[in-house]
N, C-alpha and C. Protein backbone atom coordinates (compact mmCIF):
# COMPACT_ATOMS: atom_id res chain seq x y z
N UNK A 1 139.49 47.19 -20.37
CA UNK A 1 140.16 48.47 -20.20
C UNK A 1 141.08 48.76 -21.37
N UNK A 2 140.55 48.82 -22.54
CA UNK A 2 141.34 49.09 -23.73
C UNK A 2 141.99 50.47 -23.67
N UNK A 3 141.35 51.43 -23.03
CA UNK A 3 141.91 52.78 -22.94
C UNK A 3 143.23 52.77 -22.19
N UNK A 4 143.35 51.96 -21.13
CA UNK A 4 144.59 51.90 -20.34
C UNK A 4 145.72 51.32 -21.18
N UNK A 5 145.42 50.27 -21.93
CA UNK A 5 146.42 49.67 -22.80
C UNK A 5 146.87 50.67 -23.85
N UNK A 6 145.92 51.37 -24.43
CA UNK A 6 146.25 52.35 -25.47
C UNK A 6 147.06 53.51 -24.89
N UNK A 7 146.71 53.95 -23.68
CA UNK A 7 147.46 55.02 -23.02
C UNK A 7 148.91 54.61 -22.79
N UNK A 8 149.09 53.43 -22.21
CA UNK A 8 150.45 52.94 -21.94
C UNK A 8 151.23 52.70 -23.23
N UNK A 9 150.55 52.21 -24.23
CA UNK A 9 151.19 52.01 -25.54
C UNK A 9 151.63 53.35 -26.12
N UNK A 10 150.80 54.37 -25.97
CA UNK A 10 151.16 55.70 -26.46
C UNK A 10 152.38 56.26 -25.75
N UNK A 11 152.45 56.08 -24.44
CA UNK A 11 153.62 56.54 -23.69
C UNK A 11 154.87 55.84 -24.21
N UNK A 12 154.76 54.54 -24.44
CA UNK A 12 155.89 53.75 -24.95
C UNK A 12 156.31 54.23 -26.34
N UNK A 13 155.35 54.50 -27.22
CA UNK A 13 155.67 54.98 -28.57
C UNK A 13 156.35 56.34 -28.54
N UNK A 14 155.88 57.22 -27.68
CA UNK A 14 156.50 58.54 -27.55
C UNK A 14 157.95 58.39 -27.06
N UNK A 15 158.16 57.51 -26.09
CA UNK A 15 159.50 57.27 -25.57
C UNK A 15 160.41 56.71 -26.66
N UNK A 16 159.90 55.77 -27.45
CA UNK A 16 160.70 55.19 -28.53
C UNK A 16 161.05 56.24 -29.58
N UNK A 17 160.09 57.10 -29.93
CA UNK A 17 160.36 58.16 -30.90
C UNK A 17 161.44 59.10 -30.37
N UNK A 18 161.35 59.47 -29.11
CA UNK A 18 162.35 60.35 -28.51
C UNK A 18 163.73 59.68 -28.54
N UNK A 19 163.79 58.41 -28.20
CA UNK A 19 165.06 57.68 -28.25
C UNK A 19 165.64 57.66 -29.66
N UNK A 20 164.78 57.45 -30.66
CA UNK A 20 165.25 57.47 -32.05
C UNK A 20 165.79 58.84 -32.43
N UNK A 21 165.15 59.89 -31.93
CA UNK A 21 165.64 61.24 -32.21
C UNK A 21 167.05 61.43 -31.62
N UNK A 22 167.29 60.88 -30.44
CA UNK A 22 168.60 61.01 -29.80
C UNK A 22 169.68 60.21 -30.52
N UNK A 23 169.29 59.20 -31.29
CA UNK A 23 170.29 58.37 -31.98
C UNK A 23 171.15 59.20 -32.93
N UNK A 24 170.58 60.21 -33.56
CA UNK A 24 171.38 61.04 -34.47
C UNK A 24 172.45 61.81 -33.69
N UNK A 25 172.13 62.24 -32.48
CA UNK A 25 173.10 62.90 -31.62
C UNK A 25 174.23 61.92 -31.28
N UNK A 26 173.85 60.70 -30.97
CA UNK A 26 174.85 59.67 -30.63
C UNK A 26 175.81 59.45 -31.79
N UNK A 27 175.26 59.31 -32.98
CA UNK A 27 176.10 59.09 -34.17
C UNK A 27 177.00 60.29 -34.44
N UNK A 28 176.41 61.47 -34.40
CA UNK A 28 177.15 62.68 -34.76
C UNK A 28 178.30 62.97 -33.81
N UNK A 29 178.09 62.71 -32.52
CA UNK A 29 179.09 63.08 -31.52
C UNK A 29 179.79 61.88 -30.88
N UNK A 30 179.52 60.68 -31.37
CA UNK A 30 180.18 59.49 -30.84
C UNK A 30 179.83 59.21 -29.39
N UNK A 31 178.56 59.36 -29.07
CA UNK A 31 178.08 59.14 -27.70
C UNK A 31 177.27 57.85 -27.62
N UNK A 32 177.24 57.27 -26.45
CA UNK A 32 176.31 56.17 -26.20
C UNK A 32 174.94 56.79 -25.92
N UNK A 33 173.91 55.97 -25.96
CA UNK A 33 172.57 56.48 -25.65
C UNK A 33 172.52 57.01 -24.22
N UNK A 34 173.20 56.32 -23.30
CA UNK A 34 173.21 56.76 -21.90
C UNK A 34 173.89 58.12 -21.78
N UNK A 35 175.01 58.32 -22.48
CA UNK A 35 175.69 59.61 -22.43
C UNK A 35 174.80 60.72 -22.96
N UNK A 36 174.12 60.46 -24.08
CA UNK A 36 173.20 61.45 -24.65
C UNK A 36 172.04 61.73 -23.69
N UNK A 37 171.56 60.69 -23.02
CA UNK A 37 170.47 60.85 -22.06
C UNK A 37 170.91 61.71 -20.89
N UNK A 38 172.11 61.49 -20.40
CA UNK A 38 172.64 62.27 -19.27
C UNK A 38 172.78 63.74 -19.66
N UNK A 39 173.37 63.99 -20.82
CA UNK A 39 173.54 65.37 -21.28
C UNK A 39 172.17 66.05 -21.45
N UNK A 40 171.24 65.34 -22.07
CA UNK A 40 169.91 65.89 -22.29
C UNK A 40 169.22 66.21 -20.96
N UNK A 41 169.30 65.28 -20.02
CA UNK A 41 168.68 65.48 -18.72
C UNK A 41 169.26 66.71 -18.02
N UNK A 42 170.59 66.80 -17.96
CA UNK A 42 171.22 67.92 -17.26
C UNK A 42 170.91 69.25 -17.95
N UNK A 43 170.84 69.25 -19.26
CA UNK A 43 170.53 70.47 -20.00
C UNK A 43 169.10 70.92 -19.75
N UNK A 44 168.18 69.95 -19.68
CA UNK A 44 166.76 70.28 -19.58
C UNK A 44 166.24 70.42 -18.16
N UNK A 45 167.06 70.09 -17.16
CA UNK A 45 166.58 70.09 -15.78
C UNK A 45 167.54 70.82 -14.84
N UNK A 46 167.65 72.14 -14.98
CA UNK A 46 168.54 72.87 -14.08
C UNK A 46 168.13 72.63 -12.62
N UNK A 47 169.11 72.44 -11.78
CA UNK A 47 168.83 72.19 -10.37
C UNK A 47 168.70 70.71 -10.04
N UNK A 48 168.46 69.89 -11.03
CA UNK A 48 168.45 68.44 -10.84
C UNK A 48 169.75 67.94 -11.48
N UNK A 49 170.80 67.94 -10.68
CA UNK A 49 172.13 67.77 -11.25
C UNK A 49 172.98 66.71 -10.57
N UNK A 50 172.32 65.69 -10.03
CA UNK A 50 173.08 64.60 -9.44
C UNK A 50 172.75 63.29 -10.15
N UNK A 51 173.64 62.33 -10.01
CA UNK A 51 173.39 61.01 -10.59
C UNK A 51 172.12 60.42 -9.97
N UNK A 52 171.91 60.69 -8.69
CA UNK A 52 170.70 60.18 -8.01
C UNK A 52 169.44 60.76 -8.65
N UNK A 53 169.48 62.03 -9.06
CA UNK A 53 168.33 62.64 -9.75
C UNK A 53 168.04 61.90 -11.05
N UNK A 54 169.10 61.60 -11.80
CA UNK A 54 168.95 60.86 -13.06
C UNK A 54 168.34 59.49 -12.83
N UNK A 55 168.88 58.79 -11.84
CA UNK A 55 168.39 57.43 -11.54
C UNK A 55 166.92 57.47 -11.15
N UNK A 56 166.57 58.40 -10.27
CA UNK A 56 165.20 58.47 -9.77
C UNK A 56 164.20 58.95 -10.83
N UNK A 57 164.52 60.05 -11.47
CA UNK A 57 163.54 60.68 -12.36
C UNK A 57 163.46 60.05 -13.74
N UNK A 58 164.56 59.49 -14.21
CA UNK A 58 164.54 58.83 -15.52
C UNK A 58 164.42 57.31 -15.40
N UNK A 59 164.39 56.83 -14.16
CA UNK A 59 164.27 55.40 -13.87
C UNK A 59 165.35 54.60 -14.60
N UNK A 60 166.60 55.03 -14.39
CA UNK A 60 167.75 54.38 -15.00
C UNK A 60 168.53 53.63 -13.91
N UNK A 61 169.33 52.67 -14.32
CA UNK A 61 170.11 51.91 -13.33
C UNK A 61 171.30 52.74 -12.87
N UNK A 62 171.62 52.60 -11.58
CA UNK A 62 172.76 53.32 -11.01
C UNK A 62 174.04 53.02 -11.77
N UNK A 63 174.24 51.75 -12.08
CA UNK A 63 175.50 51.36 -12.73
C UNK A 63 175.64 51.97 -14.12
N UNK A 64 174.55 52.02 -14.88
CA UNK A 64 174.62 52.61 -16.21
C UNK A 64 174.86 54.12 -16.14
N UNK A 65 174.19 54.78 -15.21
CA UNK A 65 174.40 56.22 -15.04
C UNK A 65 175.85 56.48 -14.61
N UNK A 66 176.35 55.69 -13.69
CA UNK A 66 177.72 55.86 -13.21
C UNK A 66 178.72 55.69 -14.35
N UNK A 67 178.53 54.68 -15.17
CA UNK A 67 179.41 54.47 -16.32
C UNK A 67 179.33 55.64 -17.30
N UNK A 68 178.12 56.10 -17.57
CA UNK A 68 177.94 57.22 -18.48
C UNK A 68 178.58 58.49 -17.97
N UNK A 69 178.42 58.75 -16.68
CA UNK A 69 179.04 59.94 -16.07
C UNK A 69 180.55 59.86 -16.19
N UNK A 70 181.13 58.72 -15.84
CA UNK A 70 182.59 58.56 -15.93
C UNK A 70 183.08 58.79 -17.35
N UNK A 71 182.38 58.23 -18.32
CA UNK A 71 182.77 58.38 -19.71
C UNK A 71 182.70 59.84 -20.16
N UNK A 72 181.64 60.55 -19.76
CA UNK A 72 181.51 61.96 -20.12
C UNK A 72 182.58 62.82 -19.46
N UNK A 73 182.99 62.46 -18.25
CA UNK A 73 184.08 63.17 -17.58
C UNK A 73 185.38 62.94 -18.36
N UNK A 74 185.62 61.70 -18.78
CA UNK A 74 186.82 61.38 -19.56
C UNK A 74 186.83 62.14 -20.89
N UNK A 75 185.66 62.39 -21.46
CA UNK A 75 185.55 63.12 -22.74
C UNK A 75 185.55 64.63 -22.54
N UNK A 76 185.74 65.08 -21.31
CA UNK A 76 185.76 66.51 -20.96
C UNK A 76 184.45 67.22 -21.31
N UNK A 77 183.33 66.50 -21.17
CA UNK A 77 182.01 67.08 -21.42
C UNK A 77 181.26 67.36 -20.12
N UNK A 78 181.75 66.78 -19.02
CA UNK A 78 181.03 66.83 -17.75
C UNK A 78 182.04 66.98 -16.61
N UNK A 79 181.65 67.72 -15.57
CA UNK A 79 182.46 67.86 -14.37
C UNK A 79 181.64 67.44 -13.16
N UNK A 80 182.34 66.98 -12.16
CA UNK A 80 181.72 66.53 -10.92
C UNK A 80 182.25 67.43 -9.80
N UNK A 81 181.33 67.89 -8.93
CA UNK A 81 181.71 68.77 -7.81
C UNK A 81 180.97 68.31 -6.55
N UNK A 82 181.72 68.17 -5.47
CA UNK A 82 181.10 67.80 -4.18
C UNK A 82 180.29 68.97 -3.65
N UNK A 83 179.15 68.66 -3.07
CA UNK A 83 178.30 69.68 -2.45
C UNK A 83 179.00 70.17 -1.19
N UNK A 84 179.19 71.49 -1.04
CA UNK A 84 179.89 71.98 0.15
C UNK A 84 179.14 71.69 1.46
N UNK A 85 177.82 71.59 1.40
CA UNK A 85 177.03 71.34 2.60
C UNK A 85 176.95 69.85 2.94
N UNK A 86 177.12 68.99 1.93
CA UNK A 86 177.03 67.54 2.14
C UNK A 86 177.99 66.87 1.17
N UNK A 87 179.17 66.52 1.65
CA UNK A 87 180.22 65.98 0.80
C UNK A 87 179.82 64.68 0.12
N UNK A 88 178.79 64.00 0.63
CA UNK A 88 178.33 62.76 0.00
C UNK A 88 177.55 63.05 -1.29
N UNK A 89 177.03 64.24 -1.39
CA UNK A 89 176.23 64.65 -2.55
C UNK A 89 177.15 65.25 -3.61
N UNK A 90 177.08 64.73 -4.82
CA UNK A 90 177.97 65.18 -5.90
C UNK A 90 177.12 65.77 -7.03
N UNK A 91 177.45 67.00 -7.40
CA UNK A 91 176.74 67.69 -8.47
C UNK A 91 177.48 67.49 -9.79
N UNK A 92 176.70 67.41 -10.86
CA UNK A 92 177.24 67.25 -12.20
C UNK A 92 176.98 68.53 -12.98
N UNK A 93 177.94 68.92 -13.79
CA UNK A 93 177.79 70.14 -14.60
C UNK A 93 178.34 69.90 -15.99
N UNK A 94 177.58 70.34 -16.98
CA UNK A 94 178.05 70.27 -18.36
C UNK A 94 179.16 71.29 -18.55
N UNK A 95 180.20 70.88 -19.26
CA UNK A 95 181.33 71.75 -19.55
C UNK A 95 181.14 72.44 -20.90
N UNK A 96 181.89 73.51 -21.17
CA UNK A 96 181.73 74.24 -22.43
C UNK A 96 181.84 73.38 -23.68
N UNK A 97 182.65 72.32 -23.65
CA UNK A 97 182.78 71.46 -24.83
C UNK A 97 181.48 70.75 -25.19
N UNK A 98 180.52 70.73 -24.27
CA UNK A 98 179.24 70.08 -24.56
C UNK A 98 178.27 71.01 -25.31
N UNK A 99 178.63 72.27 -25.48
CA UNK A 99 177.73 73.26 -26.10
C UNK A 99 177.23 72.85 -27.48
N UNK A 100 178.10 72.34 -28.39
CA UNK A 100 177.57 71.93 -29.70
C UNK A 100 176.56 70.78 -29.58
N UNK A 101 176.77 69.91 -28.62
CA UNK A 101 175.85 68.79 -28.41
C UNK A 101 174.52 69.30 -27.90
N UNK A 102 174.55 70.19 -26.92
CA UNK A 102 173.28 70.70 -26.38
C UNK A 102 172.54 71.53 -27.42
N UNK A 103 173.27 72.23 -28.29
CA UNK A 103 172.61 72.97 -29.37
C UNK A 103 171.90 72.01 -30.33
N UNK A 104 172.55 70.91 -30.64
CA UNK A 104 171.91 69.89 -31.50
C UNK A 104 170.72 69.27 -30.81
N UNK A 105 170.83 69.04 -29.51
CA UNK A 105 169.71 68.48 -28.74
C UNK A 105 168.52 69.43 -28.79
N UNK A 106 168.77 70.74 -28.66
CA UNK A 106 167.68 71.72 -28.74
C UNK A 106 166.95 71.61 -30.08
N UNK A 107 167.72 71.51 -31.17
CA UNK A 107 167.12 71.40 -32.51
C UNK A 107 166.31 70.12 -32.64
N UNK A 108 166.86 69.02 -32.18
CA UNK A 108 166.16 67.73 -32.30
C UNK A 108 164.90 67.72 -31.44
N UNK A 109 164.98 68.29 -30.24
CA UNK A 109 163.79 68.33 -29.38
C UNK A 109 162.71 69.24 -29.96
N UNK A 110 163.10 70.31 -30.60
CA UNK A 110 162.11 71.19 -31.24
C UNK A 110 161.39 70.44 -32.36
N UNK A 111 162.16 69.69 -33.17
CA UNK A 111 161.54 68.89 -34.24
C UNK A 111 160.63 67.81 -33.65
N UNK A 112 161.09 67.17 -32.57
CA UNK A 112 160.30 66.14 -31.90
C UNK A 112 158.96 66.72 -31.45
N UNK A 113 158.99 67.87 -30.80
CA UNK A 113 157.75 68.49 -30.32
C UNK A 113 156.86 68.90 -31.49
N UNK A 114 157.46 69.40 -32.55
CA UNK A 114 156.67 69.76 -33.74
C UNK A 114 155.96 68.54 -34.31
N UNK A 115 156.65 67.41 -34.35
CA UNK A 115 156.05 66.18 -34.88
C UNK A 115 154.94 65.66 -33.96
N UNK A 116 155.21 65.65 -32.67
CA UNK A 116 154.23 65.12 -31.72
C UNK A 116 152.97 65.99 -31.68
N UNK A 117 153.15 67.31 -31.77
CA UNK A 117 152.01 68.22 -31.65
C UNK A 117 151.58 68.81 -32.98
N UNK A 118 151.89 68.12 -34.07
CA UNK A 118 151.47 68.56 -35.40
C UNK A 118 149.94 68.69 -35.44
N UNK A 119 149.46 69.83 -35.89
CA UNK A 119 148.03 70.06 -36.01
C UNK A 119 147.37 70.57 -34.74
N UNK A 120 148.11 70.71 -33.65
CA UNK A 120 147.57 71.24 -32.39
C UNK A 120 147.81 72.74 -32.34
N UNK A 121 146.83 73.48 -31.86
CA UNK A 121 147.03 74.91 -31.65
C UNK A 121 147.85 75.11 -30.37
N UNK A 122 148.36 76.31 -30.18
CA UNK A 122 149.10 76.63 -28.95
C UNK A 122 148.20 76.42 -27.73
N UNK A 123 146.93 76.79 -27.86
CA UNK A 123 145.99 76.63 -26.75
C UNK A 123 145.79 75.15 -26.42
N UNK A 124 145.66 74.32 -27.45
CA UNK A 124 145.51 72.88 -27.23
C UNK A 124 146.75 72.29 -26.58
N UNK A 125 147.92 72.76 -26.99
CA UNK A 125 149.15 72.29 -26.38
C UNK A 125 149.20 72.68 -24.91
N UNK A 126 148.84 73.92 -24.61
CA UNK A 126 148.84 74.39 -23.22
C UNK A 126 147.86 73.58 -22.39
N UNK A 127 146.69 73.28 -22.95
CA UNK A 127 145.70 72.47 -22.25
C UNK A 127 146.25 71.07 -21.99
N UNK A 128 146.90 70.49 -22.99
CA UNK A 128 147.51 69.16 -22.82
C UNK A 128 148.51 69.17 -21.68
N UNK A 129 149.42 70.17 -21.67
CA UNK A 129 150.44 70.21 -20.63
C UNK A 129 149.83 70.42 -19.25
N UNK A 130 148.79 71.22 -19.18
CA UNK A 130 148.09 71.44 -17.91
C UNK A 130 147.44 70.14 -17.42
N UNK A 131 146.75 69.46 -18.32
CA UNK A 131 146.10 68.21 -17.94
C UNK A 131 147.14 67.13 -17.60
N UNK A 132 148.22 67.09 -18.36
CA UNK A 132 149.26 66.12 -18.08
C UNK A 132 149.85 66.35 -16.69
N UNK A 133 150.04 67.62 -16.32
CA UNK A 133 150.57 67.93 -14.99
C UNK A 133 149.61 67.45 -13.90
N UNK A 134 148.33 67.65 -14.12
CA UNK A 134 147.34 67.18 -13.15
C UNK A 134 147.35 65.66 -13.04
N UNK A 135 147.47 64.97 -14.18
CA UNK A 135 147.54 63.51 -14.16
C UNK A 135 148.78 63.06 -13.37
N UNK A 136 149.92 63.69 -13.64
CA UNK A 136 151.16 63.30 -12.94
C UNK A 136 151.05 63.57 -11.45
N UNK A 137 150.41 64.68 -11.06
CA UNK A 137 150.19 64.95 -9.63
C UNK A 137 149.34 63.84 -9.01
N UNK A 138 148.29 63.44 -9.72
CA UNK A 138 147.43 62.35 -9.22
C UNK A 138 148.20 61.04 -9.10
N UNK A 139 149.05 60.75 -10.08
CA UNK A 139 149.84 59.53 -10.05
C UNK A 139 150.80 59.55 -8.87
N UNK A 140 151.47 60.68 -8.65
CA UNK A 140 152.40 60.79 -7.53
C UNK A 140 151.68 60.59 -6.19
N UNK A 141 150.51 61.20 -6.05
CA UNK A 141 149.74 61.06 -4.82
C UNK A 141 149.29 59.62 -4.60
N UNK A 142 148.82 58.98 -5.67
CA UNK A 142 148.38 57.58 -5.56
C UNK A 142 149.57 56.67 -5.21
N UNK A 143 150.71 56.93 -5.83
CA UNK A 143 151.91 56.11 -5.54
C UNK A 143 152.34 56.31 -4.09
N UNK A 144 152.28 57.53 -3.59
CA UNK A 144 152.66 57.81 -2.21
C UNK A 144 151.72 57.10 -1.25
N UNK A 145 150.42 57.09 -1.55
CA UNK A 145 149.46 56.39 -0.70
C UNK A 145 149.75 54.90 -0.66
N UNK A 146 150.15 54.33 -1.76
CA UNK A 146 150.41 52.89 -1.82
C UNK A 146 151.72 52.52 -1.14
N UNK A 147 152.65 53.50 -1.05
CA UNK A 147 153.93 53.25 -0.38
C UNK A 147 153.80 53.41 1.12
N UNK A 148 152.83 54.19 1.58
CA UNK A 148 152.66 54.43 3.00
C UNK A 148 151.93 53.25 3.63
N UNK A 149 152.41 52.82 4.82
CA UNK A 149 151.69 51.75 5.51
C UNK A 149 150.32 52.22 5.98
N UNK A 150 149.33 51.32 5.98
CA UNK A 150 147.97 51.73 6.39
C UNK A 150 147.88 52.12 7.84
C-alpha cells in the first residue's frame, strides 16, 4: 500500500510547511507556536471559539491550549466570556490588538496556498477542495462506525 504511505507523508509535509510559515509570525510578534495556532484557528473558524473546539479539531493537548489561552489573555490579545446559556462553556474572542497579527496571518496563508497550489487552475483547486470534503466526510463516517458498538 505505497499510496497510503505517500498520502500520509503528504499530509505530514503540508502540516510541516504550514508550521514553518507560522514561525515568522511567532518571531515577528513574540508568540509561541501554540499562541499563533490559537490565533490562527480563531481567526479562520468563526463560531468555533472554545478551547474545547481547538483541542478537538486541531488535536492539541488541553494543557497546551490552556497555557496558550492564558498567555494570550495576559498579552491582551484574547478575551474569555462565559456562555450565558451554559456557564461551563467559555468562548474565546480575539481582541483589537490582535489585528496586526491576523493581517500577517492572512498574508502568510495566501502565500502558503499559492505555493501549495502552484500550477493548478481555479477549477482544479475547486475540484480538489470538493474531493477533499468528500474524503473527510467518508473518514468521519468510518470513524463514527468504529466508535459505535456493534
